[in-house]
Amino acid sequence: MPFARVAVLFVFYFAHPSSNGQTPFPPPGSGDQGAPPPPLVSMRPEIVPLRPEANRKRLLADLQELITETQALQRDLQSSRGVTVSAESFKHSQKIEMLSKRIRKTLKGN
Protein backbone atom coordinates (compact mmCIF):
# COMPACT_ATOMS: atom_id res chain seq x y z
CA MET A 1 0.00 0.00 0.00
CA PRO A 2 2.74 2.55 0.74
CA PHE A 3 4.19 1.78 -2.68
CA ALA A 4 0.85 2.69 -4.35
CA ARG A 5 0.81 6.05 -2.60
CA VAL A 6 4.35 6.78 -3.70
CA ALA A 7 3.52 5.69 -7.27
CA VAL A 8 0.46 7.98 -7.40
CA LEU A 9 2.48 10.83 -5.97
CA PHE A 10 5.20 10.17 -8.57
CA VAL A 11 2.64 10.16 -11.41
CA PHE A 12 1.05 13.42 -10.27
CA TYR A 13 4.44 15.04 -9.77
CA PHE A 14 5.68 14.30 -13.29
CA ALA A 15 2.33 14.36 -15.13
CA HIS A 16 1.89 18.07 -15.65
CA PRO A 17 0.72 19.44 -18.98
CA SER A 18 3.41 20.62 -21.34
CA SER A 19 1.32 23.56 -22.56
CA ASN A 20 -1.13 25.74 -20.69
CA GLY A 21 -3.15 26.59 -23.80
CA GLN A 22 -1.25 29.71 -24.72
CA THR A 23 0.77 30.02 -27.85
CA PRO A 24 4.11 31.82 -27.92
CA PHE A 25 4.45 35.24 -29.48
CA PRO A 26 5.06 35.21 -33.22
CA PRO A 27 8.64 35.89 -34.25
CA PRO A 28 9.39 39.53 -35.04
CA GLY A 29 8.96 40.49 -38.64
CA SER A 30 6.20 38.03 -39.40
CA GLY A 31 2.58 38.88 -39.97
CA ASP A 32 1.61 42.29 -41.26
CA GLN A 33 4.77 43.34 -43.06
CA GLY A 34 4.13 46.26 -45.32
CA ALA A 35 0.70 47.00 -43.85
CA PRO A 36 0.05 50.69 -43.17
CA PRO A 37 -0.16 51.74 -39.52
CA PRO A 38 -3.66 52.11 -38.11
CA PRO A 39 -5.16 55.61 -38.42
CA LEU A 40 -5.04 57.92 -35.43
CA VAL A 41 -8.48 58.82 -34.16
CA SER A 42 -9.04 61.91 -32.06
CA MET A 43 -11.72 61.39 -29.44
CA ARG A 44 -12.06 65.11 -28.76
CA PRO A 45 -13.03 67.51 -31.50
CA GLU A 46 -10.66 70.41 -31.92
CA ILE A 47 -11.89 73.63 -30.37
CA VAL A 48 -12.26 76.41 -32.88
CA PRO A 49 -11.30 79.76 -31.35
CA LEU A 50 -14.03 82.37 -31.44
CA ARG A 51 -13.65 85.83 -32.88
CA PRO A 52 -12.38 88.36 -30.32
CA GLU A 53 -15.75 90.18 -30.10
CA ALA A 54 -17.72 86.96 -29.57
CA ASN A 55 -15.05 85.73 -27.18
CA ARG A 56 -15.34 88.90 -25.08
CA LYS A 57 -19.16 88.74 -24.99
CA ARG A 58 -19.08 85.09 -23.93
CA LEU A 59 -16.47 85.84 -21.28
CA LEU A 60 -18.56 88.70 -19.83
CA ALA A 61 -21.71 86.54 -19.84
CA ASP A 62 -19.86 83.72 -18.07
CA LEU A 63 -18.47 86.19 -15.56
CA GLN A 64 -21.93 87.60 -14.82
CA GLU A 65 -23.31 84.09 -14.36
CA LEU A 66 -20.38 83.25 -12.07
CA ILE A 67 -21.15 86.28 -9.91
CA THR A 68 -24.83 85.30 -9.73
CA GLU A 69 -24.00 81.72 -8.74
CA THR A 70 -21.51 82.79 -6.06
CA GLN A 71 -24.03 85.19 -4.55
CA ALA A 72 -26.68 82.44 -4.50
CA LEU A 73 -24.22 80.04 -2.86
CA GLN A 74 -23.27 82.67 -0.31
CA ARG A 75 -26.96 83.24 0.58
CA ASP A 76 -27.53 79.46 0.87
CA LEU A 77 -24.53 79.01 3.15
CA GLN A 78 -25.42 81.97 5.35
CA SER A 79 -28.96 80.69 5.83
CA SER A 80 -27.86 77.13 6.66
CA ARG A 81 -26.78 75.99 10.11
CA GLY A 82 -23.34 74.97 8.87
CA VAL A 83 -23.56 71.30 9.82
CA THR A 84 -24.83 70.07 6.47
CA VAL A 85 -24.89 71.44 2.97
CA SER A 86 -28.02 71.32 0.86
CA ALA A 87 -28.14 69.74 -2.57
CA GLU A 88 -28.86 73.16 -4.04
CA SER A 89 -25.67 74.56 -2.51
CA PHE A 90 -23.71 71.66 -3.94
CA LYS A 91 -25.20 72.34 -7.39
CA HIS A 92 -24.23 75.99 -7.10
CA SER A 93 -20.64 75.02 -6.23
CA GLN A 94 -20.45 72.65 -9.22
CA LYS A 95 -21.75 75.38 -11.52
CA ILE A 96 -19.18 77.82 -10.10
CA GLU A 97 -16.40 75.33 -10.74
CA MET A 98 -17.56 74.69 -14.32
CA LEU A 99 -17.81 78.42 -15.07
CA SER A 100 -14.40 79.22 -13.58
CA LYS A 101 -12.77 76.45 -15.64
CA ARG A 102 -14.45 77.74 -18.79
CA ILE A 103 -13.35 81.32 -18.06
CA ARG A 104 -9.78 80.18 -17.38
CA LYS A 105 -9.72 78.14 -20.59
CA THR A 106 -11.03 81.11 -22.59
CA LEU A 107 -8.44 83.44 -21.10
CA LYS A 108 -5.63 80.97 -21.83
CA GLY A 109 -6.74 80.79 -25.43
CA ASN A 110 -6.30 84.55 -25.88
C-alpha atoms as a PDB file:
ATOM      1  CA  MET A   1       0.000   0.000   0.000  1.00  0.00           C
ATOM      2  CA  PRO A   2       2.745   2.554   0.738  1.00  0.00           C
ATOM      3  CA  PHE A   3       4.191   1.784  -2.678  1.00  0.00           C
ATOM      4  CA  ALA A   4       0.854   2.691  -4.347  1.00  0.00           C
ATOM      5  CA  ARG A   5       0.811   6.050  -2.600  1.00  0.00           C
ATOM      6  CA  VAL A   6       4.354   6.782  -3.705  1.00  0.00           C
ATOM      7  CA  ALA A   7       3.523   5.687  -7.275  1.00  0.00           C
ATOM      8  CA  VAL A   8       0.460   7.975  -7.405  1.00  0.00           C
ATOM      9  CA  LEU A   9       2.480  10.828  -5.970  1.00  0.00           C
ATOM     10  CA  PHE A  10       5.205  10.173  -8.566  1.00  0.00           C
ATOM     11  CA  VAL A  11       2.641  10.159 -11.410  1.00  0.00           C
ATOM     12  CA  PHE A  12       1.047  13.415 -10.266  1.00  0.00           C
ATOM     13  CA  TYR A  13       4.438  15.037  -9.767  1.00  0.00           C
ATOM     14  CA  PHE A  14       5.675  14.300 -13.294  1.00  0.00           C
ATOM     15  CA  ALA A  15       2.329  14.362 -15.128  1.00  0.00           C
ATOM     16  CA  HIS A  16       1.893  18.074 -15.650  1.00  0.00           C
ATOM     17  CA  PRO A  17       0.719  19.439 -18.985  1.00  0.00           C
ATOM     18  CA  SER A  18       3.414  20.621 -21.336  1.00  0.00           C
ATOM     19  CA  SER A  19       1.316  23.557 -22.555  1.00  0.00           C
ATOM     20  CA  ASN A  20      -1.130  25.738 -20.689  1.00  0.00           C
ATOM     21  CA  GLY A  21      -3.147  26.590 -23.802  1.00  0.00           C
ATOM     22  CA  GLN A  22      -1.253  29.712 -24.716  1.00  0.00           C
ATOM     23  CA  THR A  23       0.772  30.018 -27.853  1.00  0.00           C
ATOM     24  CA  PRO A  24       4.109  31.816 -27.916  1.00  0.00           C
ATOM     25  CA  PHE A  25       4.455  35.239 -29.479  1.00  0.00           C
ATOM     26  CA  PRO A  26       5.064  35.207 -33.225  1.00  0.00           C
ATOM     27  CA  PRO A  27       8.644  35.886 -34.246  1.00  0.00           C
ATOM     28  CA  PRO A  28       9.386  39.527 -35.039  1.00  0.00           C
ATOM     29  CA  GLY A  29       8.960  40.495 -38.643  1.00  0.00           C
ATOM     30  CA  SER A  30       6.197  38.026 -39.396  1.00  0.00           C
ATOM     31  CA  GLY A  31       2.584  38.882 -39.975  1.00  0.00           C
ATOM     32  CA  ASP A  32       1.611  42.293 -41.261  1.00  0.00           C
ATOM     33  CA  GLN A  33       4.767  43.337 -43.058  1.00  0.00           C
ATOM     34  CA  GLY A  34       4.131  46.259 -45.316  1.00  0.00           C
ATOM     35  CA  ALA A  35       0.698  46.998 -43.846  1.00  0.00           C
ATOM     36  CA  PRO A  36       0.053  50.691 -43.171  1.00  0.00           C
ATOM     37  CA  PRO A  37      -0.161  51.745 -39.525  1.00  0.00           C
ATOM     38  CA  PRO A  38      -3.664  52.107 -38.113  1.00  0.00           C
ATOM     39  CA  PRO A  39      -5.162  55.606 -38.421  1.00  0.00           C
ATOM     40  CA  LEU A  40      -5.036  57.917 -35.430  1.00  0.00           C
ATOM     41  CA  VAL A  41      -8.477  58.817 -34.164  1.00  0.00           C
ATOM     42  CA  SER A  42      -9.035  61.906 -32.062  1.00  0.00           C
ATOM     43  CA  MET A  43     -11.722  61.392 -29.438  1.00  0.00           C
ATOM     44  CA  ARG A  44     -12.064  65.109 -28.759  1.00  0.00           C
ATOM     45  CA  PRO A  45     -13.027  67.510 -31.504  1.00  0.00           C
ATOM     46  CA  GLU A  46     -10.659  70.411 -31.924  1.00  0.00           C
ATOM     47  CA  ILE A  47     -11.886  73.633 -30.374  1.00  0.00           C
ATOM     48  CA  VAL A  48     -12.256  76.412 -32.880  1.00  0.00           C
ATOM     49  CA  PRO A  49     -11.302  79.765 -31.348  1.00  0.00           C
ATOM     50  CA  LEU A  50     -14.034  82.374 -31.436  1.00  0.00           C
ATOM     51  CA  ARG A  51     -13.654  85.831 -32.884  1.00  0.00           C
ATOM     52  CA  PRO A  52     -12.381  88.359 -30.320  1.00  0.00           C
ATOM     53  CA  GLU A  53     -15.748  90.177 -30.098  1.00  0.00           C
ATOM     54  CA  ALA A  54     -17.716  86.956 -29.571  1.00  0.00           C
ATOM     55  CA  ASN A  55     -15.051  85.727 -27.178  1.00  0.00           C
ATOM     56  CA  ARG A  56     -15.338  88.900 -25.084  1.00  0.00           C
ATOM     57  CA  LYS A  57     -19.155  88.737 -24.994  1.00  0.00           C
ATOM     58  CA  ARG A  58     -19.084  85.092 -23.932  1.00  0.00           C
ATOM     59  CA  LEU A  59     -16.474  85.839 -21.276  1.00  0.00           C
ATOM     60  CA  LEU A  60     -18.558  88.699 -19.834  1.00  0.00           C
ATOM     61  CA  ALA A  61     -21.712  86.542 -19.839  1.00  0.00           C
ATOM     62  CA  ASP A  62     -19.863  83.719 -18.071  1.00  0.00           C
ATOM     63  CA  LEU A  63     -18.473  86.191 -15.555  1.00  0.00           C
ATOM     64  CA  GLN A  64     -21.933  87.598 -14.822  1.00  0.00           C
ATOM     65  CA  GLU A  65     -23.314  84.087 -14.361  1.00  0.00           C
ATOM     66  CA  LEU A  66     -20.382  83.249 -12.071  1.00  0.00           C
ATOM     67  CA  ILE A  67     -21.150  86.276  -9.908  1.00  0.00           C
ATOM     68  CA  THR A  68     -24.835  85.296  -9.725  1.00  0.00           C
ATOM     69  CA  GLU A  69     -24.001  81.715  -8.742  1.00  0.00           C
ATOM     70  CA  THR A  70     -21.507  82.790  -6.056  1.00  0.00           C
ATOM     71  CA  GLN A  71     -24.030  85.192  -4.546  1.00  0.00           C
ATOM     72  CA  ALA A  72     -26.676  82.439  -4.497  1.00  0.00           C
ATOM     73  CA  LEU A  73     -24.218  80.041  -2.857  1.00  0.00           C
ATOM     74  CA  GLN A  74     -23.275  82.672  -0.310  1.00  0.00           C
ATOM     75  CA  ARG A  75     -26.957  83.237   0.578  1.00  0.00           C
ATOM     76  CA  ASP A  76     -27.527  79.465   0.875  1.00  0.00           C
ATOM     77  CA  LEU A  77     -24.531  79.006   3.153  1.00  0.00           C
ATOM     78  CA  GLN A  78     -25.423  81.970   5.348  1.00  0.00           C
ATOM     79  CA  SER A  79     -28.965  80.687   5.829  1.00  0.00           C
ATOM     80  CA  SER A  80     -27.859  77.126   6.664  1.00  0.00           C
ATOM     81  CA  ARG A  81     -26.785  75.986  10.105  1.00  0.00           C
ATOM     82  CA  GLY A  82     -23.338  74.969   8.866  1.00  0.00           C
ATOM     83  CA  VAL A  83     -23.555  71.296   9.819  1.00  0.00           C
ATOM     84  CA  THR A  84     -24.828  70.070   6.471  1.00  0.00           C
ATOM     85  CA  VAL A  85     -24.891  71.437   2.974  1.00  0.00           C
ATOM     86  CA  SER A  86     -28.020  71.324   0.864  1.00  0.00           C
ATOM     87  CA  ALA A  87     -28.140  69.744  -2.569  1.00  0.00           C
ATOM     88  CA  GLU A  88     -28.864  73.161  -4.045  1.00  0.00           C
ATOM     89  CA  SER A  89     -25.667  74.563  -2.513  1.00  0.00           C
ATOM     90  CA  PHE A  90     -23.715  71.657  -3.943  1.00  0.00           C
ATOM     91  CA  LYS A  91     -25.203  72.336  -7.391  1.00  0.00           C
ATOM     92  CA  HIS A  92     -24.225  75.991  -7.095  1.00  0.00           C
ATOM     93  CA  SER A  93     -20.642  75.019  -6.231  1.00  0.00           C
ATOM     94  CA  GLN A  94     -20.446  72.652  -9.221  1.00  0.00           C
ATOM     95  CA  LYS A  95     -21.753  75.383 -11.519  1.00  0.00           C
ATOM     96  CA  ILE A  96     -19.184  77.819 -10.101  1.00  0.00           C
ATOM     97  CA  GLU A  97     -16.396  75.334 -10.735  1.00  0.00           C
ATOM     98  CA  MET A  98     -17.556  74.694 -14.316  1.00  0.00           C
ATOM     99  CA  LEU A  99     -17.806  78.419 -15.071  1.00  0.00           C
ATOM    100  CA  SER A 100     -14.402  79.215 -13.579  1.00  0.00           C
ATOM    101  CA  LYS A 101     -12.772  76.452 -15.642  1.00  0.00           C
ATOM    102  CA  ARG A 102     -14.452  77.739 -18.789  1.00  0.00           C
ATOM    103  CA  ILE A 103     -13.353  81.319 -18.062  1.00  0.00           C
ATOM    104  CA  ARG A 104      -9.778  80.181 -17.378  1.00  0.00           C
ATOM    105  CA  LYS A 105      -9.725  78.140 -20.590  1.00  0.00           C
ATOM    106  CA  THR A 106     -11.034  81.114 -22.592  1.00  0.00           C
ATOM    107  CA  LEU A 107      -8.436  83.437 -21.095  1.00  0.00           C
ATOM    108  CA  LYS A 108      -5.629  80.974 -21.830  1.00  0.00           C
ATOM    109  CA  GLY A 109      -6.742  80.787 -25.434  1.00  0.00           C
ATOM    110  CA  ASN A 110      -6.304  84.546 -25.877  1.00  0.00           C
END
